[in-house]
Structure formats: structure tokens, C-alpha cells
Amino acid sequence: MARINLLPWREAARRRRQRDLAIAAASALAVVLLIGVLLKVQLAAMIDAQQARNAFLDAEVAVLDRQLREIDALERRQAELLARMTVIQRLQASRLQVVRMLDQLVDAVPAGVFLTRLEQDQGRVTIEGRAQSNARVSGLMRTIEAASWIGRPTLLLIENQDETGTGFSHFRLGFELQRPPSKAREAAEVAATGKSTGKPTGKH
């Protein structure tokens, strides 16, 4: 019977399988490396894109911060202007009140009463003076009470003629500045304007 030596064929087959396994392993490693490279490239692109978005957002936030600071500055400026306007309006109103107060106070002082001092603290006015009698001081207080721009008189001090030794009663009284209702105020202003300019006020 003939014998066949299979060792060379088996050795060749084993080497072929080893070669195929090495090729498969190398191919798998190459695929893994390729996938890793692709993932790295993709991640790098995503990171770059996110960094670009972050930079854009930072720039927009900086613009918004600058605009907010400008708005805050404008609001502060507006508040300052409003405060100045309020002060100016108060000064104008106060000046008008002072003018009306002096005008009505002059009309309110009866004969025989002489004012020597006048002080104003906000809306409160204090006057001092001399009068020929206490009755004339009472008349002054009634006239102040009936006026439109001044009122609420309060007698703070009175010294009779016998106490002063001057032949006059010395007095000190306070009253408040007040604004009459709008219609009465307008009529008073028209009357005062006509009086100051010499124009007739409609009274005969």
C-alpha cells in the first residue's frame, strides 16, 4: 500500500491560516484605527464648532453688557434730570407762593400794625411786629385766615402795651403757606397779573 506524506500540506495550510489571521487582525486594527481617527476628527470639529459658538455668545454677552451699562447710565441721567425738573418746579411753585404770600400779607396788615421781622421755614412763616392794640392783631389774624394763599394763623407771643413800655403791643405769630383750589388760584393769578400790569381785571 502506498503512503502519502501530508506534513508539507498541513504545514502550508497552518501557515496560510496564520497569514489570514494576521491579515484579519491587521485589517481589524486598521479599521479600529481609522474609526478612532474619524472620531477624533469629528470630536475636534465639534469642539471647534462649540468653541466658535461660545466665542459668538461671549461677544453677544459683551455687547448686551455694554448696552445694559448704557441703559443704566441713561436711566441714572433720566433720574437726575427728573430730580432737577422736580426741584425747578418746586422752586417755581415756591417762588409763586412767596410772591402771593407777600402780596396777600401786605393786604392783610391793617392800619396800626407794623411788621419788623419775617421768617420762612418750608411752608411755615413766622412774623413779628408791633400793633397799636391787641384788637388790631386779632384783625390781622382774621385777615390771614380769610386769605387764599396764606392761612391757619397761630399767635405765638403777645406783649401788651403796659409790658413793653413803648406804647405798642409786641406780637409774634405764625401762619402756613397754602395753595388755593385751581379755579380760585387761576382767578387770583389773573387778578394779580392785571394788577401788576395795570390792565383791568373785569371789576367795575
Protein backbone atom coordinates (compact mmCIF):
# COMPACT_ATOMS: atom_id res chain seq x y z
CA MET A 1 0.00 0.00 0.00
CA ALA A 2 1.33 3.47 -0.92
CA ARG A 3 1.95 6.04 1.82
CA ILE A 4 1.33 9.80 1.32
CA ASN A 5 3.22 12.36 3.40
CA LEU A 6 0.69 15.09 4.41
CA LEU A 7 3.06 17.13 6.61
CA PRO A 8 4.05 19.72 3.97
CA TRP A 9 0.39 20.32 3.09
CA ARG A 10 -0.65 20.65 6.71
CA GLU A 11 2.26 23.00 7.36
CA ALA A 12 1.30 25.07 4.37
CA ALA A 13 -2.33 25.17 5.50
CA ARG A 14 -1.29 26.23 9.00
CA ARG A 15 0.91 28.99 7.62
CA ARG A 16 -1.95 30.09 5.35
CA ARG A 17 -4.36 30.25 8.30
CA GLN A 18 -1.83 32.21 10.34
CA ARG A 19 -1.35 34.60 7.45
CA ASP A 20 -5.12 35.03 7.03
CA LEU A 21 -5.50 35.59 10.78
CA ALA A 22 -2.71 38.17 10.74
CA ILE A 23 -4.33 39.90 7.76
CA ALA A 24 -7.71 39.87 9.50
CA ALA A 25 -6.17 41.19 12.70
CA ALA A 26 -4.28 43.86 10.78
CA SER A 27 -7.45 44.78 8.90
CA ALA A 28 -9.44 44.96 12.14
CA LEU A 29 -6.72 47.08 13.74
CA ALA A 30 -6.67 49.34 10.71
CA VAL A 31 -10.46 49.69 10.83
CA VAL A 32 -10.31 50.46 14.56
CA LEU A 33 -7.55 53.00 13.98
CA LEU A 34 -9.49 54.54 11.11
CA ILE A 35 -12.62 54.76 13.23
CA GLY A 36 -10.57 56.29 16.04
CA VAL A 37 -9.10 58.86 13.68
CA LEU A 38 -12.54 59.68 12.27
CA LEU A 39 -14.00 60.02 15.75
CA LYS A 40 -11.11 62.22 16.79
CA VAL A 41 -11.57 64.42 13.73
CA GLN A 42 -15.31 64.61 14.34
CA LEU A 43 -14.84 65.42 18.01
CA ALA A 44 -12.26 68.06 17.11
CA ALA A 45 -14.70 69.57 14.62
CA MET A 46 -17.48 69.53 17.22
CA ILE A 47 -15.18 71.13 19.79
CA ASP A 48 -14.14 73.81 17.30
CA ALA A 49 -17.77 74.47 16.43
CA GLN A 50 -18.73 74.69 20.11
CA GLN A 51 -15.81 76.99 20.81
CA ALA A 52 -16.89 79.18 17.91
CA ARG A 53 -20.44 79.27 19.32
CA ASN A 54 -19.06 80.08 22.77
CA ALA A 55 -16.95 82.88 21.33
CA PHE A 56 -20.00 84.24 19.50
CA LEU A 57 -22.09 84.05 22.67
CA ASP A 58 -19.34 85.75 24.65
CA ALA A 59 -19.22 88.54 22.10
CA GLU A 60 -23.02 88.92 22.20
CA VAL A 61 -22.99 88.90 26.00
CA ALA A 62 -20.31 91.60 25.97
CA VAL A 63 -22.48 93.68 23.61
CA LEU A 64 -25.51 93.17 25.87
CA ASP A 65 -23.47 94.10 28.94
CA ARG A 66 -22.33 97.29 27.25
CA GLN A 67 -25.89 98.10 26.22
CA LEU A 68 -27.11 97.41 29.76
CA ARG A 69 -24.46 99.73 31.15
CA GLU A 70 -25.52 102.38 28.66
CA ILE A 71 -29.16 101.87 29.64
CA ASP A 72 -28.25 102.14 33.33
CA ALA A 73 -26.34 105.34 32.61
CA LEU A 74 -29.30 106.73 30.66
CA GLU A 75 -31.68 105.78 33.46
CA ARG A 76 -29.46 107.49 36.02
CA ARG A 77 -29.26 110.53 33.76
CA GLN A 78 -33.03 110.49 33.34
CA ALA A 79 -33.49 110.23 37.11
CA GLU A 80 -31.11 113.15 37.63
CA LEU A 81 -32.96 115.24 35.05
CA LEU A 82 -36.32 114.36 36.58
CA ALA A 83 -34.98 115.28 40.01
CA ARG A 84 -33.73 118.61 38.66
CA MET A 85 -37.04 119.25 36.94
CA THR A 86 -38.84 118.45 40.19
CA VAL A 87 -36.60 120.86 42.08
CA ILE A 88 -37.12 123.54 39.44
CA GLN A 89 -40.89 123.03 39.55
CA ARG A 90 -40.85 123.23 43.33
CA LEU A 91 -38.75 126.38 43.20
CA GLN A 92 -41.12 127.91 40.68
CA ALA A 93 -44.13 126.94 42.79
CA SER A 94 -42.38 128.20 45.93
CA ARG A 95 -41.49 131.46 44.23
CA LEU A 96 -45.09 131.88 43.16
CA GLN A 97 -46.26 131.12 46.68
CA VAL A 98 -43.81 133.59 48.18
CA VAL A 99 -44.93 136.31 45.80
CA ARG A 100 -48.60 135.64 46.53
CA MET A 101 -47.85 135.39 50.25
CA LEU A 102 -46.12 138.77 50.33
CA ASP A 103 -48.86 140.30 48.22
CA GLN A 104 -51.64 139.00 50.45
CA LEU A 105 -49.70 139.70 53.63
CA VAL A 106 -49.37 143.34 52.64
CA ASP A 107 -53.11 143.47 52.04
CA ALA A 108 -53.77 141.63 55.31
CA VAL A 109 -51.82 144.02 57.55
CA PRO A 110 -54.35 146.52 58.95
CA ALA A 111 -53.63 150.09 59.85
CA GLY A 112 -51.85 150.41 63.15
CA VAL A 113 -49.84 147.18 62.67
CA PHE A 114 -46.16 147.28 61.75
CA LEU A 115 -44.12 144.22 60.83
CA THR A 116 -40.50 144.08 61.97
CA ARG A 117 -39.42 140.55 61.07
CA LEU A 118 -40.41 137.74 58.73
CA GLU A 119 -39.01 134.20 58.64
CA GLN A 120 -39.94 131.27 56.40
CA ASP A 121 -39.20 127.61 57.11
CA GLN A 122 -40.56 125.42 54.32
CA GLY A 123 -44.31 126.08 54.30
CA ARG A 124 -44.38 127.84 57.66
CA VAL A 125 -43.95 131.62 58.06
CA THR A 126 -43.33 133.50 61.29
CA ILE A 127 -43.77 137.25 61.57
CA GLU A 128 -43.05 139.67 64.37
CA GLY A 129 -44.25 143.22 64.73
CA ARG A 130 -45.90 145.93 66.74
CA ALA A 131 -49.53 146.89 66.98
CA GLN A 132 -51.38 149.81 68.50
CA SER A 133 -53.71 147.33 70.24
CA ASN A 134 -54.41 143.64 70.64
CA ALA A 135 -57.58 144.09 68.61
CA ARG A 136 -55.51 145.02 65.58
CA VAL A 137 -53.50 141.79 65.98
CA SER A 138 -56.79 139.86 66.08
CA GLY A 139 -57.85 141.67 62.90
CA LEU A 140 -54.57 140.67 61.24
CA MET A 141 -55.18 137.03 62.16
CA ARG A 142 -58.74 137.12 60.78
CA THR A 143 -57.50 138.62 57.53
CA ILE A 144 -54.80 135.95 57.21
CA GLU A 145 -57.39 133.23 57.90
CA ALA A 146 -59.62 134.58 55.11
CA ALA A 147 -56.80 134.82 52.55
CA SER A 148 -56.35 132.23 49.80
CA TRP A 149 -52.57 131.78 49.72
CA ILE A 150 -51.95 132.07 53.46
CA GLY A 151 -53.92 130.72 56.39
CA ARG A 152 -54.06 128.93 59.74
CA PRO A 153 -52.59 131.77 61.83
CA THR A 154 -51.28 130.90 65.29
CA LEU A 155 -50.47 133.51 67.90
CA LEU A 156 -47.09 132.61 69.37
CA LEU A 157 -46.43 135.62 71.62
CA ILE A 158 -48.03 138.90 72.55
CA GLU A 159 -46.85 141.54 74.98
CA ASN A 160 -49.29 144.25 75.99
CA GLN A 161 -48.51 147.95 75.83
CA ASP A 162 -48.02 148.11 79.57
CA GLU A 163 -45.42 145.34 79.41
CA THR A 164 -43.40 146.80 76.54
CA GLY A 165 -43.36 150.42 77.70
CA THR A 166 -43.33 151.55 74.06
CA GLY A 167 -46.99 152.30 73.58
CA PHE A 168 -47.30 149.31 71.25
CA SER A 169 -48.11 145.65 71.73
CA HIS A 170 -45.38 143.35 70.54
CA PHE A 171 -46.52 140.13 68.88
CA ARG A 172 -45.24 137.08 67.10
CA LEU A 173 -47.50 134.83 65.07
CA GLY A 174 -47.09 132.08 62.54
CA PHE A 175 -49.12 131.02 59.55
CA GLU A 176 -48.89 128.49 56.74
CA LEU A 177 -48.43 128.89 53.03
CA GLN A 178 -51.20 127.19 51.12
CA ARG A 179 -52.37 126.84 47.55
CA PRO A 180 -55.99 127.62 46.85
CA PRO A 181 -58.12 125.40 44.60
CA SER A 182 -57.21 125.61 40.94
CA LYS A 183 -60.10 127.88 39.90
CA ALA A 184 -59.51 130.25 42.77
CA ARG A 185 -55.78 130.15 42.10
CA GLU A 186 -56.27 130.96 38.42
CA ALA A 187 -58.58 133.84 39.31
CA ALA A 188 -56.05 135.13 41.84
CA GLU A 189 -53.24 134.89 39.29
CA VAL A 190 -55.29 136.68 36.65
CA ALA A 191 -56.20 139.36 39.15
CA ALA A 192 -52.59 139.72 40.27
CA THR A 193 -51.39 139.87 36.66
CA GLY A 194 -53.91 142.54 35.83
CA LYS A 195 -52.95 144.39 38.98
CA SER A 196 -49.23 144.24 38.21
CA THR A 197 -49.59 145.22 34.55
CA GLY A 198 -52.17 147.91 35.15
CA LYS A 199 -54.74 146.13 32.99
CA PRO A 200 -58.37 146.00 34.07
CA THR A 201 -59.44 142.74 35.72
CA GLY A 202 -63.08 142.95 34.78
CA LYS A 203 -64.23 144.60 38.03
CA HIS A 204 -66.03 147.94 37.85
